[in-house]
Amino acid sequence: MQSSFQSPSVANLPRWLWTTAGAVLFVLGVIGIALPVMPTVVFWIGAVACFSRGHPALARPILTHPRFGPPISLFLAHGVIAPAGKRAALLAMTGSAVLIVVLSRSIALTAAALCGLALAALYVATRPAVAPSLVGEGYQSRG
């Protein structure tokens, strides 16, 4: 028997929903500027991805930001995370893991959170540090 249910395509979501999601992620990134325990670039990568589908003009100020624009652009174009960014992300994840272990009262939630952090750390650690198009051109990644 063939099911008539079709899951909705993410690409077909309304523009206002993409723009709203981008705005929420952008605000979380702004909070990350003030609170060192919150990442900024990760949320702004998500914001740019959402804004590019909902309201592309809102993505441009993030991509042209002098400090955050270049790493976001490199990640979106090539999956690159600079060595300094990797160190900061892995250090933050390690600190989060320690806090989870110390403060959590649930073994199951602790295990789930640590597994999630371990997967995120593996992803970050295995990203290239230099864009493939820049390899062999004398490019030195800042670390």
N, C-alpha and C. Protein backbone atom coordinates (compact mmCIF):
# COMPACT_ATOMS: atom_id res chain seq x y z
N MET A 1 0.83 -1.17 0.00
CA MET A 1 0.00 0.00 0.00
C MET A 1 0.89 1.25 0.00
N GLN A 2 0.64 2.14 -0.91
CA GLN A 2 1.40 3.36 -1.05
C GLN A 2 0.85 4.44 -0.14
N SER A 3 1.72 5.09 0.61
CA SER A 3 1.30 6.17 1.49
C SER A 3 1.15 7.46 0.69
N SER A 4 0.11 8.21 0.98
CA SER A 4 -0.09 9.47 0.26
C SER A 4 0.57 10.64 1.00
N PHE A 5 1.15 10.37 2.16
CA PHE A 5 1.80 11.42 2.94
C PHE A 5 3.13 11.78 2.30
N GLN A 6 3.34 13.06 2.10
CA GLN A 6 4.63 13.54 1.62
C GLN A 6 5.14 14.57 2.61
N SER A 7 6.37 14.39 3.03
CA SER A 7 6.93 15.35 3.97
C SER A 7 7.16 16.67 3.26
N PRO A 8 6.93 17.77 3.96
CA PRO A 8 7.14 19.07 3.33
C PRO A 8 8.62 19.31 3.06
N SER A 9 8.90 19.93 1.95
CA SER A 9 10.28 20.26 1.60
C SER A 9 10.72 21.49 2.38
N VAL A 10 11.91 21.44 2.91
CA VAL A 10 12.45 22.58 3.65
C VAL A 10 12.58 23.79 2.71
N ALA A 11 12.90 23.52 1.46
CA ALA A 11 13.06 24.61 0.50
C ALA A 11 11.76 25.35 0.24
N ASN A 12 10.62 24.71 0.51
CA ASN A 12 9.33 25.33 0.23
C ASN A 12 8.76 26.10 1.42
N LEU A 13 9.52 26.25 2.48
CA LEU A 13 9.04 27.02 3.62
C LEU A 13 8.87 28.47 3.21
N PRO A 14 7.90 29.17 3.79
CA PRO A 14 7.70 30.57 3.41
C PRO A 14 8.89 31.45 3.81
N ARG A 15 9.08 32.50 3.01
CA ARG A 15 10.21 33.41 3.24
C ARG A 15 10.18 34.02 4.64
N TRP A 16 9.01 34.33 5.14
CA TRP A 16 8.92 34.95 6.47
C TRP A 16 9.44 34.01 7.54
N LEU A 17 9.25 32.70 7.34
CA LEU A 17 9.73 31.73 8.32
C LEU A 17 11.27 31.66 8.30
N TRP A 18 11.84 31.68 7.09
CA TRP A 18 13.31 31.71 6.98
C TRP A 18 13.86 32.97 7.62
N THR A 19 13.21 34.11 7.35
CA THR A 19 13.68 35.39 7.89
C THR A 19 13.56 35.41 9.41
N THR A 20 12.47 34.87 9.94
CA THR A 20 12.29 34.82 11.40
C THR A 20 13.35 33.93 12.03
N ALA A 21 13.59 32.77 11.44
CA ALA A 21 14.63 31.87 11.97
C ALA A 21 15.99 32.55 11.93
N GLY A 22 16.27 33.26 10.84
CA GLY A 22 17.53 33.99 10.73
C GLY A 22 17.67 35.06 11.80
N ALA A 23 16.55 35.76 12.08
CA ALA A 23 16.58 36.81 13.11
C ALA A 23 16.84 36.22 14.49
N VAL A 24 16.21 35.09 14.79
CA VAL A 24 16.43 34.44 16.09
C VAL A 24 17.89 34.01 16.22
N LEU A 25 18.43 33.40 15.17
CA LEU A 25 19.83 32.97 15.22
C LEU A 25 20.78 34.16 15.31
N PHE A 26 20.45 35.24 14.62
CA PHE A 26 21.28 36.44 14.69
C PHE A 26 21.31 36.99 16.12
N VAL A 27 20.15 37.07 16.75
CA VAL A 27 20.08 37.58 18.13
C VAL A 27 20.88 36.68 19.07
N LEU A 28 20.78 35.36 18.89
CA LEU A 28 21.59 34.46 19.72
C LEU A 28 23.08 34.72 19.51
N GLY A 29 23.48 35.02 18.29
CA GLY A 29 24.88 35.36 18.03
C GLY A 29 25.29 36.66 18.70
N VAL A 30 24.39 37.64 18.71
CA VAL A 30 24.69 38.91 19.39
C VAL A 30 24.87 38.66 20.88
N ILE A 31 24.04 37.81 21.45
CA ILE A 31 24.19 37.45 22.87
C ILE A 31 25.56 36.82 23.08
N GLY A 32 26.00 36.03 22.10
CA GLY A 32 27.31 35.39 22.18
C GLY A 32 28.47 36.36 22.21
N ILE A 33 28.27 37.56 21.67
CA ILE A 33 29.33 38.58 21.73
C ILE A 33 29.53 39.02 23.18
N ALA A 34 28.42 39.13 23.91
CA ALA A 34 28.49 39.60 25.30
C ALA A 34 28.81 38.47 26.29
N LEU A 35 28.35 37.28 25.99
CA LEU A 35 28.57 36.14 26.89
C LEU A 35 29.57 35.16 26.26
N PRO A 36 30.74 35.04 26.83
CA PRO A 36 31.76 34.17 26.24
C PRO A 36 31.34 32.70 26.13
N VAL A 37 30.35 32.26 26.90
CA VAL A 37 29.96 30.86 26.85
C VAL A 37 29.04 30.56 25.67
N MET A 38 28.57 31.60 24.99
CA MET A 38 27.70 31.42 23.82
C MET A 38 28.53 31.69 22.56
N PRO A 39 28.44 30.81 21.57
CA PRO A 39 29.17 31.08 20.32
C PRO A 39 28.47 32.16 19.50
N THR A 40 29.22 32.89 18.75
CA THR A 40 28.64 33.89 17.84
C THR A 40 28.63 33.37 16.41
N VAL A 41 29.79 32.93 15.94
CA VAL A 41 29.92 32.56 14.54
C VAL A 41 28.97 31.42 14.17
N VAL A 42 28.82 30.44 15.04
CA VAL A 42 27.93 29.31 14.74
C VAL A 42 26.51 29.79 14.49
N PHE A 43 26.02 30.66 15.35
CA PHE A 43 24.65 31.16 15.17
C PHE A 43 24.55 32.05 13.94
N TRP A 44 25.59 32.82 13.66
CA TRP A 44 25.53 33.70 12.49
C TRP A 44 25.67 32.93 11.19
N ILE A 45 26.35 31.78 11.20
CA ILE A 45 26.36 30.92 10.02
C ILE A 45 24.93 30.47 9.72
N GLY A 46 24.23 30.04 10.77
CA GLY A 46 22.83 29.65 10.61
C GLY A 46 21.96 30.81 10.16
N ALA A 47 22.22 31.99 10.71
CA ALA A 47 21.45 33.19 10.33
C ALA A 47 21.65 33.50 8.85
N VAL A 48 22.89 33.45 8.38
CA VAL A 48 23.17 33.72 6.97
C VAL A 48 22.47 32.69 6.08
N ALA A 49 22.51 31.43 6.48
CA ALA A 49 21.84 30.39 5.70
C ALA A 49 20.34 30.66 5.61
N CYS A 50 19.74 31.04 6.73
CA CYS A 50 18.30 31.34 6.74
C CYS A 50 17.99 32.62 5.97
N PHE A 51 18.75 33.67 6.23
CA PHE A 51 18.50 34.94 5.55
C PHE A 51 18.67 34.80 4.04
N SER A 52 19.61 33.96 3.60
CA SER A 52 19.83 33.82 2.16
C SER A 52 18.61 33.24 1.46
N ARG A 53 17.77 32.54 2.19
CA ARG A 53 16.53 32.00 1.62
C ARG A 53 15.33 32.89 1.87
N GLY A 54 15.37 33.65 2.97
CA GLY A 54 14.21 34.47 3.31
C GLY A 54 14.33 35.93 2.91
N HIS A 55 15.51 36.51 3.11
CA HIS A 55 15.71 37.94 2.84
C HIS A 55 17.21 38.15 2.63
N PRO A 56 17.73 37.89 1.42
CA PRO A 56 19.17 37.93 1.18
C PRO A 56 19.87 39.22 1.60
N ALA A 57 19.17 40.34 1.55
CA ALA A 57 19.81 41.60 1.94
C ALA A 57 20.23 41.59 3.41
N LEU A 58 19.55 40.81 4.24
CA LEU A 58 19.91 40.73 5.66
C LEU A 58 21.18 39.90 5.89
N ALA A 59 21.53 39.05 4.95
CA ALA A 59 22.74 38.24 5.08
C ALA A 59 23.99 39.06 4.80
N ARG A 60 23.88 40.06 3.94
CA ARG A 60 25.05 40.84 3.51
C ARG A 60 25.80 41.53 4.65
N PRO A 61 25.12 42.19 5.61
CA PRO A 61 25.89 42.84 6.69
C PRO A 61 26.69 41.84 7.53
N ILE A 62 26.18 40.64 7.67
CA ILE A 62 26.93 39.63 8.43
C ILE A 62 28.16 39.20 7.63
N LEU A 63 27.97 38.93 6.35
CA LEU A 63 29.07 38.46 5.51
C LEU A 63 30.14 39.53 5.29
N THR A 64 29.77 40.79 5.43
CA THR A 64 30.74 41.87 5.23
C THR A 64 31.28 42.43 6.56
N HIS A 65 30.86 41.83 7.68
CA HIS A 65 31.36 42.27 8.98
C HIS A 65 32.87 42.06 9.01
N PRO A 66 33.66 43.05 9.46
CA PRO A 66 35.11 42.91 9.42
C PRO A 66 35.68 41.75 10.23
N ARG A 67 35.07 41.43 11.35
CA ARG A 67 35.61 40.36 12.19
C ARG A 67 34.97 39.01 11.91
N PHE A 68 33.66 38.97 11.78
CA PHE A 68 32.95 37.70 11.66
C PHE A 68 32.69 37.28 10.22
N GLY A 69 32.69 38.22 9.30
CA GLY A 69 32.38 37.91 7.90
C GLY A 69 33.33 36.92 7.24
N PRO A 70 34.65 37.14 7.33
CA PRO A 70 35.57 36.21 6.66
C PRO A 70 35.46 34.76 7.13
N PRO A 71 35.42 34.47 8.45
CA PRO A 71 35.31 33.06 8.83
C PRO A 71 33.96 32.45 8.42
N ILE A 72 32.91 33.24 8.45
CA ILE A 72 31.60 32.73 8.04
C ILE A 72 31.61 32.43 6.55
N SER A 73 32.16 33.34 5.76
CA SER A 73 32.23 33.13 4.31
C SER A 73 33.07 31.91 3.96
N LEU A 74 34.22 31.77 4.62
CA LEU A 74 35.08 30.60 4.36
C LEU A 74 34.38 29.30 4.73
N PHE A 75 33.66 29.31 5.85
CA PHE A 75 32.96 28.09 6.24
C PHE A 75 31.86 27.76 5.24
N LEU A 76 31.07 28.75 4.85
CA LEU A 76 29.97 28.48 3.93
C LEU A 76 30.47 28.05 2.55
N ALA A 77 31.58 28.62 2.10
CA ALA A 77 32.09 28.30 0.77
C ALA A 77 32.89 27.00 0.73
N HIS A 78 33.66 26.74 1.79
CA HIS A 78 34.60 25.61 1.75
C HIS A 78 34.56 24.69 2.96
N GLY A 79 33.76 25.00 3.96
CA GLY A 79 33.73 24.19 5.18
C GLY A 79 34.96 24.39 6.05
N VAL A 80 35.63 25.52 5.87
CA VAL A 80 36.89 25.79 6.57
C VAL A 80 36.62 26.38 7.95
N ILE A 81 37.37 25.89 8.94
CA ILE A 81 37.40 26.50 10.26
C ILE A 81 38.87 26.75 10.58
N ALA A 82 39.22 28.01 10.75
CA ALA A 82 40.61 28.38 11.02
C ALA A 82 41.09 27.74 12.32
N PRO A 83 42.40 27.50 12.42
CA PRO A 83 42.94 26.86 13.64
C PRO A 83 42.54 27.58 14.93
N ALA A 84 42.58 28.91 14.95
CA ALA A 84 42.20 29.63 16.17
C ALA A 84 40.73 29.41 16.49
N GLY A 85 39.89 29.36 15.48
CA GLY A 85 38.47 29.08 15.68
C GLY A 85 38.24 27.68 16.20
N LYS A 86 39.01 26.73 15.66
CA LYS A 86 38.90 25.35 16.15
C LYS A 86 39.29 25.27 17.62
N ARG A 87 40.41 25.91 17.96
CA ARG A 87 40.85 25.87 19.36
C ARG A 87 39.80 26.48 20.28
N ALA A 88 39.26 27.62 19.89
CA ALA A 88 38.25 28.28 20.73
C ALA A 88 37.01 27.41 20.87
N ALA A 89 36.55 26.81 19.78
CA ALA A 89 35.35 25.97 19.82
C ALA A 89 35.58 24.73 20.67
N LEU A 90 36.73 24.08 20.48
CA LEU A 90 37.01 22.86 21.25
C LEU A 90 37.22 23.17 22.73
N LEU A 91 37.84 24.30 23.03
CA LEU A 91 38.01 24.71 24.43
C LEU A 91 36.65 24.99 25.07
N ALA A 92 35.78 25.68 24.35
CA ALA A 92 34.44 25.96 24.87
C ALA A 92 33.65 24.68 25.08
N MET A 93 33.77 23.74 24.16
CA MET A 93 33.06 22.46 24.31
C MET A 93 33.61 21.67 25.50
N THR A 94 34.92 21.72 25.69
CA THR A 94 35.52 21.04 26.84
C THR A 94 35.02 21.65 28.14
N GLY A 95 35.00 22.97 28.20
CA GLY A 95 34.47 23.64 29.39
C GLY A 95 33.01 23.30 29.63
N SER A 96 32.22 23.25 28.56
CA SER A 96 30.81 22.87 28.69
C SER A 96 30.68 21.45 29.21
N ALA A 97 31.52 20.55 28.71
CA ALA A 97 31.46 19.15 29.16
C ALA A 97 31.77 19.06 30.65
N VAL A 98 32.77 19.80 31.09
CA VAL A 98 33.12 19.78 32.52
C VAL A 98 31.94 20.29 33.35
N LEU A 99 31.34 21.40 32.93
CA LEU A 99 30.19 21.95 33.66
C LEU A 99 29.02 20.96 33.68
N ILE A 100 28.78 20.30 32.57
CA ILE A 100 27.68 19.32 32.51
C ILE A 100 27.93 18.20 33.50
N VAL A 101 29.14 17.68 33.52
CA VAL A 101 29.46 16.57 34.42
C VAL A 101 29.33 17.01 35.88
N VAL A 102 29.79 18.21 36.19
CA VAL A 102 29.77 18.69 37.57
C VAL A 102 28.35 19.04 38.02
N LEU A 103 27.56 19.65 37.15
CA LEU A 103 26.27 20.19 37.57
C LEU A 103 25.07 19.28 37.29
N SER A 104 25.22 18.33 36.40
CA SER A 104 24.06 17.51 36.03
C SER A 104 23.76 16.46 37.10
N ARG A 105 22.48 16.22 37.27
CA ARG A 105 22.04 15.19 38.23
C ARG A 105 21.53 13.94 37.54
N SER A 106 21.40 14.01 36.23
CA SER A 106 20.86 12.88 35.48
C SER A 106 21.97 12.23 34.65
N ILE A 107 22.19 10.96 34.88
CA ILE A 107 23.21 10.24 34.12
C ILE A 107 22.83 10.17 32.65
N ALA A 108 21.56 9.94 32.36
CA ALA A 108 21.11 9.83 30.97
C ALA A 108 21.29 11.16 30.22
N LEU A 109 20.88 12.26 30.85
CA LEU A 109 21.05 13.56 30.20
C LEU A 109 22.52 13.93 30.05
N THR A 110 23.30 13.59 31.05
CA THR A 110 24.75 13.85 30.98
C THR A 110 25.35 13.08 29.82
N ALA A 111 25.01 11.81 29.71
CA ALA A 111 25.54 10.97 28.63
C ALA A 111 25.11 11.51 27.27
N ALA A 112 23.85 11.89 27.15
CA ALA A 112 23.35 12.42 25.87
C ALA A 112 24.07 13.73 25.51
N ALA A 113 24.22 14.62 26.49
CA ALA A 113 24.90 15.89 26.23
C ALA A 113 26.36 15.67 25.86
N LEU A 114 27.03 14.77 26.55
CA LEU A 114 28.44 14.49 26.25
C LEU A 114 28.60 13.86 24.88
N CYS A 115 27.67 13.00 24.49
CA CYS A 115 27.71 12.41 23.14
C CYS A 115 27.52 13.50 22.09
N GLY A 116 26.58 14.41 22.33
CA GLY A 116 26.38 15.50 21.39
C GLY A 116 27.60 16.39 21.27
N LEU A 117 28.21 16.71 22.41
CA LEU A 117 29.42 17.52 22.39
C LEU A 117 30.57 16.80 21.69
N ALA A 118 30.68 15.49 21.93
CA ALA A 118 31.74 14.71 21.29
C ALA A 118 31.57 14.71 19.77
N LEU A 119 30.34 14.56 19.30
CA LEU A 119 30.08 14.59 17.86
C LEU A 119 30.38 15.97 17.27
N ALA A 120 29.98 17.02 17.99
CA ALA A 120 30.27 18.38 17.53
C ALA A 120 31.77 18.63 17.49
N ALA A 121 32.48 18.16 18.51
CA ALA A 121 33.94 18.33 18.56
C ALA A 121 34.61 17.57 17.42
N LEU A 122 34.13 16.38 17.14
CA LEU A 122 34.68 15.59 16.02
C LEU A 122 34.46 16.34 14.71
N TYR A 123 33.28 16.90 14.53
CA TYR A 123 32.99 17.65 13.31
C TYR A 123 33.94 18.85 13.18
N VAL A 124 34.08 19.62 14.25
CA VAL A 124 34.95 20.80 14.21
C VAL A 124 36.40 20.39 13.94
N ALA A 125 36.86 19.37 14.63
CA ALA A 125 38.26 18.95 14.51
C ALA A 125 38.59 18.43 13.11
N THR A 126 37.61 17.91 12.40
CA THR A 126 37.90 17.32 11.09
C THR A 126 37.66 18.28 9.92
N ARG A 127 37.27 19.52 10.20
CA ARG A 127 37.10 20.50 9.11
C ARG A 127 38.47 20.97 8.66
N PRO A 128 38.59 21.29 7.37
CA PRO A 128 39.88 21.80 6.89
C PRO A 128 40.20 23.16 7.51
N ALA A 129 41.49 23.46 7.62
CA ALA A 129 41.93 24.74 8.19
C ALA A 129 42.20 25.77 7.10
N VAL A 130 42.31 25.33 5.86
CA VAL A 130 42.60 26.22 4.74
C VAL A 130 41.68 25.83 3.59
N ALA A 131 41.15 26.83 2.89
CA ALA A 131 40.30 26.57 1.73
C ALA A 131 41.09 25.86 0.65
N PRO A 132 40.50 24.85 0.01
CA PRO A 132 41.22 24.11 -1.04
C PRO A 132 41.76 25.02 -2.14
N SER A 133 41.02 26.06 -2.48
CA SER A 133 41.47 26.97 -3.55
C SER A 133 42.68 27.79 -3.13
N LEU A 134 42.94 27.90 -1.83
CA LEU A 134 44.07 28.69 -1.35
C LEU A 134 45.31 27.85 -1.09
N VAL A 135 45.18 26.54 -1.06
CA VAL A 135 46.33 25.66 -0.84
C VAL A 135 47.25 25.77 -2.04
N GLY A 136 48.51 25.91 -1.82
CA GLY A 136 49.47 26.00 -2.89
C GLY A 136 49.67 27.42 -3.40
N GLU A 137 48.93 28.39 -2.86
CA GLU A 137 49.09 29.77 -3.27
C GLU A 137 49.87 30.56 -2.22
N GLY A 138 50.54 29.85 -1.33
CA GLY A 138 51.30 30.53 -0.30
C GLY A 138 50.44 31.08 0.83
N TYR A 139 49.21 30.61 0.91
CA TYR A 139 48.30 31.10 1.95
C TYR A 139 48.74 30.57 3.30
N GLN A 140 48.82 31.44 4.27
CA GLN A 140 49.14 31.06 5.64
C GLN A 140 47.89 31.27 6.48
N SER A 141 47.35 30.18 7.06
CA SER A 141 46.19 30.36 7.92
C SER A 141 46.65 30.97 9.23
N ARG A 142 45.85 31.91 9.73
CA ARG A 142 46.19 32.54 11.00
C ARG A 142 45.74 31.62 12.11
N GLY A 143 46.60 31.30 13.01
CA GLY A 143 46.22 30.37 14.06
C GLY A 143 46.60 30.88 15.35
